Amino acid sequence: MTPASSSRLVYSTDKGRVCPDCRQAAADCRCKATAAVPKGDGIVRVSLDTKGRKGKGVTLVRGVPLAADALTALAKQLKANCGSGGTVKDGTIEIQGDHRDTVVAALQKQGMTVKRAGG
């Protein structure tokens, strides 16, 4: 193993943070743009989860067949509809609080097949 092949550039003073895969600046990374849409059965599942959150409920939206940037935009829209905060983690939208009915109605309005999962 040569030293040049084992070293990977992660930061450059010219570009800033660098993607290790495509070696472009993080803002210009092509890897994220080509990320595939997650495969599933086409059904979006909405559930309530309280595990690991000290009893606080979080509405989870799983199985949305969108790319990462479109998923983030959908999460922003759902958070605005619910009047609540939230995030996107590992392809799952998390919205603070129990907003299952609001989320199901909003997703059905966009033409998605939605099921309530869990209790």
PDB file of N, CA and C in Angstrom:
ATOM      1  N   MET A   1       0.848  -1.168   0.000  1.00  0.00           N
ATOM      2  CA  MET A   1       0.000   0.000   0.000  1.00  0.00           C
ATOM      3  C   MET A   1       0.900   1.240   0.000  1.00  0.00           C
ATOM      4  N   THR A   2       0.691   2.117  -0.942  1.00  0.00           N
ATOM      5  CA  THR A   2       1.491   3.330  -1.011  1.00  0.00           C
ATOM      6  C   THR A   2       0.816   4.426  -0.209  1.00  0.00           C
ATOM      7  N   PRO A   3       1.558   5.362   0.313  1.00  0.00           N
ATOM      8  CA  PRO A   3       0.970   6.433   1.103  1.00  0.00           C
ATOM      9  C   PRO A   3      -0.047   7.261   0.327  1.00  0.00           C
ATOM     10  N   ALA A   4       0.135   7.418  -0.973  1.00  0.00           N
ATOM     11  CA  ALA A   4      -0.793   8.225  -1.768  1.00  0.00           C
ATOM     12  C   ALA A   4      -2.148   7.532  -1.908  1.00  0.00           C
ATOM     13  N   SER A   5      -2.160   6.203  -1.989  1.00  0.00           N
ATOM     14  CA  SER A   5      -3.427   5.505  -2.189  1.00  0.00           C
ATOM     15  C   SER A   5      -4.214   5.354  -0.896  1.00  0.00           C
ATOM     16  N   SER A   6      -3.556   5.405   0.250  1.00  0.00           N
ATOM     17  CA  SER A   6      -4.275   5.234   1.510  1.00  0.00           C
ATOM     18  C   SER A   6      -4.756   6.549   2.108  1.00  0.00           C
ATOM     19  N   SER A   7      -4.283   7.680   1.606  1.00  0.00           N
ATOM     20  CA  SER A   7      -4.724   8.958   2.145  1.00  0.00           C
ATOM     21  C   SER A   7      -5.919   9.471   1.353  1.00  0.00           C
ATOM     22  N   ARG A   8      -6.833  10.080   2.069  1.00  0.00           N
ATOM     23  CA  ARG A   8      -8.025  10.635   1.437  1.00  0.00           C
ATOM     24  C   ARG A   8      -8.192  12.073   1.875  1.00  0.00           C
ATOM     25  N   LEU A   9      -8.411  12.950   0.926  1.00  0.00           N
ATOM     26  CA  LEU A   9      -8.597  14.357   1.201  1.00  0.00           C
ATOM     27  C   LEU A   9      -9.999  14.587   1.750  1.00  0.00           C
ATOM     28  N   VAL A  10     -10.119  15.205   2.926  1.00  0.00           N
ATOM     29  CA  VAL A  10     -11.432  15.488   3.493  1.00  0.00           C
ATOM     30  C   VAL A  10     -11.671  16.983   3.671  1.00  0.00           C
ATOM     31  N   TYR A  11     -10.585  17.781   3.588  1.00  0.00           N
ATOM     32  CA  TYR A  11     -10.747  19.222   3.713  1.00  0.00           C
ATOM     33  C   TYR A  11      -9.660  19.907   2.903  1.00  0.00           C
ATOM     34  N   SER A  12     -10.022  20.944   2.214  1.00  0.00           N
ATOM     35  CA  SER A  12      -9.083  21.724   1.431  1.00  0.00           C
ATOM     36  C   SER A  12      -9.292  23.196   1.762  1.00  0.00           C
ATOM     37  N   THR A  13      -8.213  23.939   1.879  1.00  0.00           N
ATOM     38  CA  THR A  13      -8.362  25.361   2.188  1.00  0.00           C
ATOM     39  C   THR A  13      -8.997  26.117   1.036  1.00  0.00           C
ATOM     40  N   ASP A  14      -8.902  25.590  -0.171  1.00  0.00           N
ATOM     41  CA  ASP A  14      -9.519  26.240  -1.324  1.00  0.00           C
ATOM     42  C   ASP A  14     -11.018  25.935  -1.423  1.00  0.00           C
ATOM     43  N   LYS A  15     -11.383  24.669  -1.261  1.00  0.00           N
ATOM     44  CA  LYS A  15     -12.767  24.229  -1.461  1.00  0.00           C
ATOM     45  C   LYS A  15     -13.556  24.081  -0.171  1.00  0.00           C
ATOM     46  N   GLY A  16     -12.899  23.896   0.946  1.00  0.00           N
ATOM     47  CA  GLY A  16     -13.590  23.580   2.191  1.00  0.00           C
ATOM     48  C   GLY A  16     -13.713  22.076   2.322  1.00  0.00           C
ATOM     49  N   ARG A  17     -14.810  21.600   2.902  1.00  0.00           N
ATOM     50  CA  ARG A  17     -15.011  20.168   3.081  1.00  0.00           C
ATOM     51  C   ARG A  17     -15.194  19.499   1.723  1.00  0.00           C
ATOM     52  N   VAL A  18     -14.574  18.324   1.554  1.00  0.00           N
ATOM     53  CA  VAL A  18     -14.551  17.614   0.280  1.00  0.00           C
ATOM     54  C   VAL A  18     -15.211  16.247   0.448  1.00  0.00           C
ATOM     55  N   CYS A  19     -16.018  15.862  -0.541  1.00  0.00           N
ATOM     56  CA  CYS A  19     -16.650  14.541  -0.544  1.00  0.00           C
ATOM     57  C   CYS A  19     -15.585  13.486  -0.832  1.00  0.00           C
ATOM     58  N   PRO A  20     -15.484  12.433  -0.004  1.00  0.00           N
ATOM     59  CA  PRO A  20     -14.451  11.417  -0.232  1.00  0.00           C
ATOM     60  C   PRO A  20     -14.710  10.539  -1.452  1.00  0.00           C
ATOM     61  N   ASP A  21     -15.947  10.475  -1.927  1.00  0.00           N
ATOM     62  CA  ASP A  21     -16.257   9.603  -3.056  1.00  0.00           C
ATOM     63  C   ASP A  21     -15.980  10.265  -4.404  1.00  0.00           C
ATOM     64  N   CYS A  22     -16.559  11.443  -4.625  1.00  0.00           N
ATOM     65  CA  CYS A  22     -16.383  12.103  -5.915  1.00  0.00           C
ATOM     66  C   CYS A  22     -15.296  13.174  -5.885  1.00  0.00           C
ATOM     67  N   ARG A  23     -14.750  13.457  -4.727  1.00  0.00           N
ATOM     68  CA  ARG A  23     -13.654  14.411  -4.519  1.00  0.00           C
ATOM     69  C   ARG A  23     -13.990  15.821  -4.996  1.00  0.00           C
ATOM     70  N   GLN A  24     -15.264  16.169  -4.915  1.00  0.00           N
ATOM     71  CA  GLN A  24     -15.704  17.526  -5.219  1.00  0.00           C
ATOM     72  C   GLN A  24     -15.971  18.243  -3.898  1.00  0.00           C
ATOM     73  N   ALA A  25     -16.121  19.563  -3.951  1.00  0.00           N
ATOM     74  CA  ALA A  25     -16.489  20.303  -2.748  1.00  0.00           C
ATOM     75  C   ALA A  25     -17.846  19.791  -2.262  1.00  0.00           C
ATOM     76  N   ALA A  26     -18.056  19.804  -0.951  1.00  0.00           N
ATOM     77  CA  ALA A  26     -19.288  19.249  -0.386  1.00  0.00           C
ATOM     78  C   ALA A  26     -20.526  19.915  -0.980  1.00  0.00           C
ATOM     79  N   ALA A  27     -20.449  21.210  -1.281  1.00  0.00           N
ATOM     80  CA  ALA A  27     -21.590  21.907  -1.873  1.00  0.00           C
ATOM     81  C   ALA A  27     -21.849  21.444  -3.304  1.00  0.00           C
ATOM     82  N   ASP A  28     -20.809  20.992  -4.010  1.00  0.00           N
ATOM     83  CA  ASP A  28     -20.935  20.557  -5.399  1.00  0.00           C
ATOM     84  C   ASP A  28     -20.927  19.039  -5.554  1.00  0.00           C
ATOM     85  N   CYS A  29     -21.144  18.313  -4.477  1.00  0.00           N
ATOM     86  CA  CYS A  29     -21.061  16.859  -4.490  1.00  0.00           C
ATOM     87  C   CYS A  29     -22.073  16.264  -5.464  1.00  0.00           C
ATOM     88  N   ARG A  30     -21.603  15.329  -6.300  1.00  0.00           N
ATOM     89  CA  ARG A  30     -22.474  14.674  -7.266  1.00  0.00           C
ATOM     90  C   ARG A  30     -23.051  13.365  -6.726  1.00  0.00           C
ATOM     91  N   CYS A  31     -22.492  12.870  -5.654  1.00  0.00           N
ATOM     92  CA  CYS A  31     -22.945  11.595  -5.083  1.00  0.00           C
ATOM     93  C   CYS A  31     -24.372  11.692  -4.567  1.00  0.00           C
ATOM     94  N   LYS A  32     -24.692  12.789  -3.919  1.00  0.00           N
ATOM     95  CA  LYS A  32     -26.029  12.950  -3.347  1.00  0.00           C
ATOM     96  C   LYS A  32     -27.086  13.092  -4.430  1.00  0.00           C
ATOM     97  N   ALA A  33     -26.733  13.714  -5.533  1.00  0.00           N
ATOM     98  CA  ALA A  33     -27.684  13.916  -6.620  1.00  0.00           C
ATOM     99  C   ALA A  33     -28.037  12.604  -7.308  1.00  0.00           C
ATOM    100  N   THR A  34     -27.090  11.660  -7.318  1.00  0.00           N
ATOM    101  CA  THR A  34     -27.342  10.389  -7.986  1.00  0.00           C
ATOM    102  C   THR A  34     -27.840   9.316  -7.022  1.00  0.00           C
ATOM    103  N   ALA A  35     -28.106   9.690  -5.780  1.00  0.00           N
ATOM    104  CA  ALA A  35     -28.600   8.711  -4.810  1.00  0.00           C
ATOM    105  C   ALA A  35     -29.952   8.177  -5.275  1.00  0.00           C
ATOM    106  N   ALA A  36     -30.118   6.900  -5.206  1.00  0.00           N
ATOM    107  CA  ALA A  36     -31.328   6.253  -5.697  1.00  0.00           C
ATOM    108  C   ALA A  36     -32.492   6.464  -4.731  1.00  0.00           C
ATOM    109  N   VAL A  37     -33.685   6.448  -5.291  1.00  0.00           N
ATOM    110  CA  VAL A  37     -34.892   6.518  -4.487  1.00  0.00           C
ATOM    111  C   VAL A  37     -35.054   5.182  -3.783  1.00  0.00           C
ATOM    112  N   PRO A  38     -35.333   5.190  -2.475  1.00  0.00           N
ATOM    113  CA  PRO A  38     -35.448   3.920  -1.764  1.00  0.00           C
ATOM    114  C   PRO A  38     -36.582   3.066  -2.316  1.00  0.00           C
ATOM    115  N   LYS A  39     -36.300   1.769  -2.434  1.00  0.00           N
ATOM    116  CA  LYS A  39     -37.314   0.845  -2.932  1.00  0.00           C
ATOM    117  C   LYS A  39     -38.212   0.423  -1.792  1.00  0.00           C
ATOM    118  N   GLY A  40     -39.462   0.220  -2.104  1.00  0.00           N
ATOM    119  CA  GLY A  40     -40.417  -0.224  -1.103  1.00  0.00           C
ATOM    120  C   GLY A  40     -41.646  -0.770  -1.795  1.00  0.00           C
ATOM    121  N   ASP A  41     -42.698  -0.944  -1.025  1.00  0.00           N
ATOM    122  CA  ASP A  41     -43.926  -1.479  -1.590  1.00  0.00           C
ATOM    123  C   ASP A  41     -44.872  -0.390  -2.068  1.00  0.00           C
ATOM    124  N   GLY A  42     -44.458   0.882  -1.997  1.00  0.00           N
ATOM    125  CA  GLY A  42     -45.286   1.972  -2.487  1.00  0.00           C
ATOM    126  C   GLY A  42     -46.277   2.497  -1.478  1.00  0.00           C
ATOM    127  N   ILE A  43     -46.228   1.984  -0.257  1.00  0.00           N
ATOM    128  CA  ILE A  43     -47.150   2.428   0.778  1.00  0.00           C
ATOM    129  C   ILE A  43     -46.370   3.239   1.802  1.00  0.00           C
ATOM    130  N   VAL A  44     -46.867   4.437   2.084  1.00  0.00           N
ATOM    131  CA  VAL A  44     -46.258   5.293   3.087  1.00  0.00           C
ATOM    132  C   VAL A  44     -46.902   4.954   4.427  1.00  0.00           C
ATOM    133  N   ARG A  45     -46.086   4.683   5.436  1.00  0.00           N
ATOM    134  CA  ARG A  45     -46.597   4.309   6.751  1.00  0.00           C
ATOM    135  C   ARG A  45     -46.353   5.429   7.744  1.00  0.00           C
ATOM    136  N   VAL A  46     -47.412   5.802   8.469  1.00  0.00           N
ATOM    137  CA  VAL A  46     -47.356   6.867   9.458  1.00  0.00           C
ATOM    138  C   VAL A  46     -47.625   6.247  10.819  1.00  0.00           C
ATOM    139  N   SER A  47     -46.721   6.490  11.774  1.00  0.00           N
ATOM    140  CA  SER A  47     -46.876   5.896  13.100  1.00  0.00           C
ATOM    141  C   SER A  47     -46.442   6.882  14.168  1.00  0.00           C
ATOM    142  N   LEU A  48     -46.731   6.539  15.410  1.00  0.00           N
ATOM    143  CA  LEU A  48     -46.322   7.327  16.571  1.00  0.00           C
ATOM    144  C   LEU A  48     -45.285   6.532  17.336  1.00  0.00           C
ATOM    145  N   ASP A  49     -44.200   7.190  17.729  1.00  0.00           N
ATOM    146  CA  ASP A  49     -43.129   6.522  18.442  1.00  0.00           C
ATOM    147  C   ASP A  49     -42.763   7.347  19.664  1.00  0.00           C
ATOM    148  N   THR A  50     -42.523   6.662  20.795  1.00  0.00           N
ATOM    149  CA  THR A  50     -42.111   7.344  22.024  1.00  0.00           C
ATOM    150  C   THR A  50     -40.843   6.743  22.600  1.00  0.00           C
ATOM    151  N   LYS A  51     -40.304   5.727  21.959  1.00  0.00           N
ATOM    152  CA  LYS A  51     -39.141   5.032  22.504  1.00  0.00           C
ATOM    153  C   LYS A  51     -37.897   5.913  22.466  1.00  0.00           C
ATOM    154  N   GLY A  52     -37.206   5.988  23.586  1.00  0.00           N
ATOM    155  CA  GLY A  52     -35.978   6.750  23.664  1.00  0.00           C
ATOM    156  C   GLY A  52     -36.162   8.244  23.677  1.00  0.00           C
ATOM    157  N   ARG A  53     -37.393   8.697  23.926  1.00  0.00           N
ATOM    158  CA  ARG A  53     -37.683  10.127  23.892  1.00  0.00           C
ATOM    159  C   ARG A  53     -38.322  10.619  25.186  1.00  0.00           C
ATOM    160  N   LYS A  54     -38.128   9.868  26.260  1.00  0.00           N
ATOM    161  CA  LYS A  54     -38.649  10.219  27.587  1.00  0.00           C
ATOM    162  C   LYS A  54     -40.159  10.453  27.575  1.00  0.00           C
ATOM    163  N   GLY A  55     -40.874   9.618  26.819  1.00  0.00           N
ATOM    164  CA  GLY A  55     -42.323   9.685  26.795  1.00  0.00           C
ATOM    165  C   GLY A  55     -42.903  10.681  25.812  1.00  0.00           C
ATOM    166  N   LYS A  56     -42.076  11.465  25.177  1.00  0.00           N
ATOM    167  CA  LYS A  56     -42.562  12.443  24.193  1.00  0.00           C
ATOM    168  C   LYS A  56     -42.872  11.723  22.887  1.00  0.00           C
ATOM    169  N   GLY A  57     -44.012  12.009  22.307  1.00  0.00           N
ATOM    170  CA  GLY A  57     -44.419  11.365  21.071  1.00  0.00           C
ATOM    171  C   GLY A  57     -43.848  12.045  19.846  1.00  0.00           C
ATOM    172  N   VAL A  58     -43.491  11.237  18.861  1.00  0.00           N
ATOM    173  CA  VAL A  58     -42.985  11.730  17.588  1.00  0.00           C
ATOM    174  C   VAL A  58     -43.709  10.973  16.479  1.00  0.00           C
ATOM    175  N   THR A  59     -44.226  11.703  15.502  1.00  0.00           N
ATOM    176  CA  THR A  59     -44.875  11.089  14.357  1.00  0.00           C
ATOM    177  C   THR A  59     -43.811  10.708  13.342  1.00  0.00           C
ATOM    178  N   LEU A  60     -43.779   9.432  12.961  1.00  0.00           N
ATOM    179  CA  LEU A  60     -42.801   8.929  11.995  1.00  0.00           C
ATOM    180  C   LEU A  60     -43.483   8.661  10.659  1.00  0.00           C
ATOM    181  N   VAL A  61     -42.840   9.091   9.582  1.00  0.00           N
ATOM    182  CA  VAL A  61     -43.337   8.857   8.227  1.00  0.00           C
ATOM    183  C   VAL A  61     -42.264   8.062   7.505  1.00  0.00           C
ATOM    184  N   ARG A  62     -42.585   6.807   7.157  1.00  0.00           N
ATOM    185  CA  ARG A  62     -41.619   5.907   6.514  1.00  0.00           C
ATOM    186  C   ARG A  62     -42.133   5.451   5.162  1.00  0.00           C
ATOM    187  N   GLY A  63     -41.189   5.128   4.280  1.00  0.00           N
ATOM    188  CA  GLY A  63     -41.550   4.546   2.985  1.00  0.00           C
ATOM    189  C   GLY A  63     -41.936   5.555   1.925  1.00  0.00           C
ATOM    190  N   VAL A  64     -41.551   6.810   2.081  1.00  0.00           N
ATOM    191  CA  VAL A  64     -41.867   7.814   1.072  1.00  0.00           C
ATOM    192  C   VAL A  64     -40.907   7.627  -0.115  1.00  0.00           C
ATOM    193  N   PRO A  65     -41.437   7.391  -1.315  1.00  0.00           N
ATOM    194  CA  PRO A  65     -40.570   7.108  -2.470  1.00  0.00           C
ATOM    195  C   PRO A  65     -40.034   8.375  -3.117  1.00  0.00           C
ATOM    196  N   LEU A  66     -39.211   9.136  -2.379  1.00  0.00           N
ATOM    197  CA  LEU A  66     -38.638  10.375  -2.894  1.00  0.00           C
ATOM    198  C   LEU A  66     -37.136  10.390  -2.641  1.00  0.00           C
ATOM    199  N   ALA A  67     -36.425  11.162  -3.436  1.00  0.00           N
ATOM    200  CA  ALA A  67     -34.992  11.348  -3.238  1.00  0.00           C
ATOM    201  C   ALA A  67     -34.775  12.229  -2.012  1.00  0.00           C
ATOM    202  N   ALA A  68     -33.543  12.334  -1.563  1.00  0.00           N
ATOM    203  CA  ALA A  68     -33.231  13.013  -0.309  1.00  0.00           C
ATOM    204  C   ALA A  68     -33.652  14.481  -0.301  1.00  0.00           C
ATOM    205  N   ASP A  69     -33.404  15.203  -1.393  1.00  0.00           N
ATOM    206  CA  ASP A  69     -33.770  16.620  -1.401  1.00  0.00           C
ATOM    207  C   ASP A  69     -35.281  16.824  -1.443  1.00  0.00           C
ATOM    208  N   ALA A  70     -35.989  15.983  -2.171  1.00  0.00           N
ATOM    209  CA  ALA A  70     -37.448  16.068  -2.220  1.00  0.00           C
ATOM    210  C   ALA A  70     -38.053  15.639  -0.887  1.00  0.00           C
ATOM    211  N   LEU A  71     -37.419  14.698  -0.205  1.00  0.00           N
ATOM    212  CA  LEU A  71     -37.887  14.257   1.105  1.00  0.00           C
ATOM    213  C   LEU A  71     -37.750  15.384   2.121  1.00  0.00           C
ATOM    214  N   THR A  72     -36.660  16.128   2.050  1.00  0.00           N
ATOM    215  CA  THR A  72     -36.461  17.268   2.940  1.00  0.00           C
ATOM    216  C   THR A  72     -37.515  18.344   2.680  1.00  0.00           C
ATOM    217  N   ALA A  73     -37.845  18.590   1.422  1.00  0.00           N
ATOM    218  CA  ALA A  73     -38.878  19.572   1.084  1.00  0.00           C
ATOM    219  C   ALA A  73     -40.243  19.120   1.586  1.00  0.00           C
ATOM    220  N   LEU A  74     -40.543  17.828   1.458  1.00  0.00           N
ATOM    221  CA  LEU A  74     -41.808  17.297   1.965  1.00  0.00           C
ATOM    222  C   LEU A  74     -41.874  17.424   3.480  1.00  0.00           C
ATOM    223  N   ALA A  75     -40.759  17.153   4.151  1.00  0.00           N
ATOM    224  CA  ALA A  75     -40.724  17.281   5.609  1.00  0.00           C
ATOM    225  C   ALA A  75     -40.988  18.721   6.029  1.00  0.00           C
ATOM    226  N   LYS A  76     -40.420  19.658   5.311  1.00  0.00           N
ATOM    227  CA  LYS A  76     -40.639  21.068   5.628  1.00  0.00           C
ATOM    228  C   LYS A  76     -42.115  21.434   5.472  1.00  0.00           C
ATOM    229  N   GLN A  77     -42.737  20.929   4.421  1.00  0.00           N
ATOM    230  CA  GLN A  77     -44.159  21.196   4.191  1.00  0.00           C
ATOM    231  C   GLN A  77     -45.027  20.573   5.284  1.00  0.00           C
ATOM    232  N   LEU A  78     -44.723  19.330   5.668  1.00  0.00           N
ATOM    233  CA  LEU A  78     -45.499  18.657   6.710  1.00  0.00           C
ATOM    234  C   LEU A  78     -45.333  19.352   8.062  1.00  0.00           C
ATOM    235  N   LYS A  79     -44.122  19.798   8.363  1.00  0.00           N
ATOM    236  CA  LYS A  79     -43.879  20.508   9.620  1.00  0.00           C
ATOM    237  C   LYS A  79     -44.676  21.810   9.658  1.00  0.00           C
ATOM    238  N   ALA A  80     -44.758  22.501   8.519  1.00  0.00           N
ATOM    239  CA  ALA A  80     -45.537  23.735   8.454  1.00  0.00           C
ATOM    240  C   ALA A  80     -47.029  23.458   8.629  1.00  0.00           C
ATOM    241  N   ASN A  81     -47.520  22.356   8.022  1.00  0.00           N
ATOM    242  CA  ASN A  81     -48.934  21.991   8.171  1.00  0.00           C
ATOM    243  C   ASN A  81     -49.281  21.667   9.618  1.00  0.00           C
ATOM    244  N   CYS A  82     -48.346  21.012  10.311  1.00  0.00           N
ATOM    245  CA  CYS A  82     -48.583  20.591  11.690  1.00  0.00           C
ATOM    246  C   CYS A  82     -48.260  21.699  12.689  1.00  0.00           C
ATOM    247  N   GLY A  83     -47.508  22.697  12.273  1.00  0.00           N
ATOM    248  CA  GLY A  83     -47.105  23.756  13.196  1.00  0.00           C
ATOM    249  C   GLY A  83     -46.148  23.231  14.244  1.00  0.00           C
ATOM    250  N   SER A  84     -45.233  22.382  13.812  1.00  0.00           N
ATOM    251  CA  SER A  84     -44.344  21.706  14.742  1.00  0.00           C
ATOM    252  C   SER A  84     -42.965  21.561  14.123  1.00  0.00           C
ATOM    253  N   GLY A  85     -41.998  21.185  14.942  1.00  0.00           N
ATOM    254  CA  GLY A  85     -40.646  20.948  14.464  1.00  0.00           C
ATOM    255  C   GLY A  85     -40.466  19.512  14.041  1.00  0.00           C
ATOM    256  N   GLY A  86     -39.296  19.211  13.526  1.00  0.00           N
ATOM    257  CA  GLY A  86     -39.012  17.850  13.121  1.00  0.00           C
ATOM    258  C   GLY A  86     -37.728  17.781  12.341  1.00  0.00           C
ATOM    259  N   THR A  87     -37.465  16.599  11.785  1.00  0.00           N
ATOM    260  CA  THR A  87     -36.233  16.367  11.051  1.00  0.00           C
ATOM    261  C   THR A  87     -36.405  15.198  10.099  1.00  0.00           C
ATOM    262  N   VAL A  88     -35.373  14.976   9.277  1.00  0.00           N
ATOM    263  CA  VAL A  88     -35.308  13.806   8.403  1.00  0.00           C
ATOM    264  C   VAL A  88     -34.074  13.016   8.800  1.00  0.00           C
ATOM    265  N   LYS A  89     -34.259  11.753   9.181  1.00  0.00           N
ATOM    266  CA  LYS A  89     -33.149  10.884   9.564  1.00  0.00           C
ATOM    267  C   LYS A  89     -33.275   9.555   8.838  1.00  0.00           C
ATOM    268  N   ASP A  90     -32.259   9.193   8.095  1.00  0.00           N
ATOM    269  CA  ASP A  90     -32.187   7.893   7.413  1.00  0.00           C
ATOM    270  C   ASP A  90     -33.427   7.593   6.571  1.00  0.00           C
ATOM    271  N   GLY A  91     -33.925   8.574   5.844  1.00  0.00           N
ATOM    272  CA  GLY A  91     -35.082   8.365   4.984  1.00  0.00           C
ATOM    273  C   GLY A  91     -36.409   8.357   5.705  1.00  0.00           C
ATOM    274  N   THR A  92     -36.418   8.691   6.996  1.00  0.00           N
ATOM    275  CA  THR A  92     -37.638   8.740   7.792  1.00  0.00           C
ATOM    276  C   THR A  92     -37.879  10.176   8.237  1.00  0.00           C
ATOM    277  N   ILE A  93     -39.103  10.651   8.048  1.00  0.00           N
ATOM    278  CA  ILE A  93     -39.459  11.992   8.506  1.00  0.00           C
ATOM    279  C   ILE A  93     -39.967  11.873   9.935  1.00  0.00           C
ATOM    280  N   GLU A  94     -39.413  12.679  10.841  1.00  0.00           N
ATOM    281  CA  GLU A  94     -39.851  12.716  12.229  1.00  0.00           C
ATOM    282  C   GLU A  94     -40.457  14.091  12.496  1.00  0.00           C
ATOM    283  N   ILE A  95     -41.696  14.101  12.983  1.00  0.00           N
ATOM    284  CA  ILE A  95     -42.375  15.349  13.321  1.00  0.00           C
ATOM    285  C   ILE A  95     -42.735  15.299  14.799  1.00  0.00           C
ATOM    286  N   GLN A  96     -42.361  16.324  15.537  1.00  0.00           N
ATOM    287  CA  GLN A  96     -42.577  16.349  16.972  1.00  0.00           C
ATOM    288  C   GLN A  96     -44.063  16.415  17.288  1.00  0.00           C
ATOM    289  N   GLY A  97     -44.517  15.518  18.157  1.00  0.00           N
ATOM    290  CA  GLY A  97     -45.916  15.486  18.582  1.00  0.00           C
ATOM    291  C   GLY A  97     -46.719  14.439  17.827  1.00  0.00           C
ATOM    292  N   ASP A  98     -47.969  14.276  18.258  1.00  0.00           N
ATOM    293  CA  ASP A  98     -48.877  13.314  17.633  1.00  0.00           C
ATOM    294  C   ASP A  98     -49.696  14.026  16.561  1.00  0.00           C
ATOM    295  N   HIS A  99     -49.246  13.953  15.324  1.00  0.00           N
ATOM    296  CA  HIS A  99     -49.907  14.623  14.202  1.00  0.00           C
ATOM    297  C   HIS A  99     -50.258  13.621  13.113  1.00  0.00           C
ATOM    298  N   ARG A 100     -50.586  12.398  13.505  1.00  0.00           N
ATOM    299  CA  ARG A 100     -50.840  11.340  12.519  1.00  0.00           C
ATOM    300  C   ARG A 100     -51.981  11.691  11.578  1.00  0.00           C
ATOM    301  N   ASP A 101     -53.092  12.197  12.104  1.00  0.00           N
ATOM    302  CA  ASP A 101     -54.242  12.502  11.253  1.00  0.00           C
ATOM    303  C   ASP A 101     -53.918  13.595  10.233  1.00  0.00           C
ATOM    304  N   THR A 102     -53.223  14.636  10.683  1.00  0.00           N
ATOM    305  CA  THR A 102     -52.855  15.740   9.801  1.00  0.00           C
ATOM    306  C   THR A 102     -51.907  15.271   8.701  1.00  0.00           C
ATOM    307  N   VAL A 103     -50.927  14.450   9.070  1.00  0.00           N
ATOM    308  CA  VAL A 103     -49.938  13.963   8.113  1.00  0.00           C
ATOM    309  C   VAL A 103     -50.593  13.029   7.098  1.00  0.00           C
ATOM    310  N   VAL A 104     -51.446  12.122   7.561  1.00  0.00           N
ATOM    311  CA  VAL A 104     -52.137  11.199   6.647  1.00  0.00           C
ATOM    312  C   VAL A 104     -52.974  11.972   5.639  1.00  0.00           C
ATOM    313  N   ALA A 105     -53.718  12.985   6.117  1.00  0.00           N
ATOM    314  CA  ALA A 105     -54.557  13.783   5.216  1.00  0.00           C
ATOM    315  C   ALA A 105     -53.707  14.539   4.193  1.00  0.00           C
ATOM    316  N   ALA A 106     -52.594  15.105   4.629  1.00  0.00           N
ATOM    317  CA  ALA A 106     -51.729  15.866   3.719  1.00  0.00           C
ATOM    318  C   ALA A 106     -51.096  14.965   2.665  1.00  0.00           C
ATOM    319  N   LEU A 107     -50.678  13.772   3.054  1.00  0.00           N
ATOM    320  CA  LEU A 107     -50.048  12.858   2.098  1.00  0.00           C
ATOM    321  C   LEU A 107     -51.070  12.284   1.115  1.00  0.00           C
ATOM    322  N   GLN A 108     -52.281  11.992   1.592  1.00  0.00           N
ATOM    323  CA  GLN A 108     -53.322  11.499   0.696  1.00  0.00           C
ATOM    324  C   GLN A 108     -53.728  12.571  -0.309  1.00  0.00           C
ATOM    325  N   LYS A 109     -53.691  13.820   0.127  1.00  0.00           N
ATOM    326  CA  LYS A 109     -54.019  14.927  -0.770  1.00  0.00           C
ATOM    327  C   LYS A 109     -53.008  15.034  -1.913  1.00  0.00           C
ATOM    328  N   GLN A 110     -51.773  14.586  -1.649  1.00  0.00           N
ATOM    329  CA  GLN A 110     -50.729  14.594  -2.677  1.00  0.00           C
ATOM    330  C   GLN A 110     -50.756  13.332  -3.530  1.00  0.00           C
ATOM    331  N   GLY A 111     -51.708  12.445  -3.288  1.00  0.00           N
ATOM    332  CA  GLY A 111     -51.890  11.260  -4.118  1.00  0.00           C
ATOM    333  C   GLY A 111     -51.100  10.043  -3.694  1.00  0.00           C
ATOM    334  N   MET A 112     -50.580  10.039  -2.480  1.00  0.00           N
ATOM    335  CA  MET A 112     -49.813   8.884  -1.995  1.00  0.00           C
ATOM    336  C   MET A 112     -50.736   7.887  -1.302  1.00  0.00           C
ATOM    337  N   THR A 113     -50.364   6.617  -1.356  1.00  0.00           N
ATOM    338  CA  THR A 113     -51.089   5.577  -0.631  1.00  0.00           C
ATOM    339  C   THR A 113     -50.529   5.557   0.789  1.00  0.00           C
ATOM    340  N   VAL A 114     -51.394   5.832   1.775  1.00  0.00           N
ATOM    341  CA  VAL A 114     -50.947   5.997   3.155  1.00  0.00           C
ATOM    342  C   VAL A 114     -51.685   5.041   4.076  1.00  0.00           C
ATOM    343  N   LYS A 115     -50.931   4.449   5.010  1.00  0.00           N
ATOM    344  CA  LYS A 115     -51.514   3.593   6.044  1.00  0.00           C
ATOM    345  C   LYS A 115     -51.016   4.058   7.382  1.00  0.00           C
ATOM    346  N   ARG A 116     -51.888   3.963   8.392  1.00  0.00           N
ATOM    347  CA  ARG A 116     -51.463   4.206   9.761  1.00  0.00           C
ATOM    348  C   ARG A 116     -50.885   2.910  10.308  1.00  0.00           C
ATOM    349  N   ALA A 117     -49.693   2.977  10.806  1.00  0.00           N
ATOM    350  CA  ALA A 117     -49.025   1.792  11.339  1.00  0.00           C
ATOM    351  C   ALA A 117     -48.961   1.916  12.858  1.00  0.00           C
ATOM    352  N   GLY A 118     -48.878   0.799  13.523  1.00  0.00           N
ATOM    353  CA  GLY A 118     -48.802   0.820  14.975  1.00  0.00           C
ATOM    354  C   GLY A 118     -50.163   0.948  15.609  1.00  0.00           C
ATOM    355  N   GLY A 119     -50.218   1.617  16.756  1.00  0.00           N
ATOM    356  CA  GLY A 119     -51.462   1.720  17.531  1.00  0.00           C
ATOM    357  C   GLY A 119     -52.413   2.744  17.138  1.00  0.00           C
TER     358      GLY A 119
END
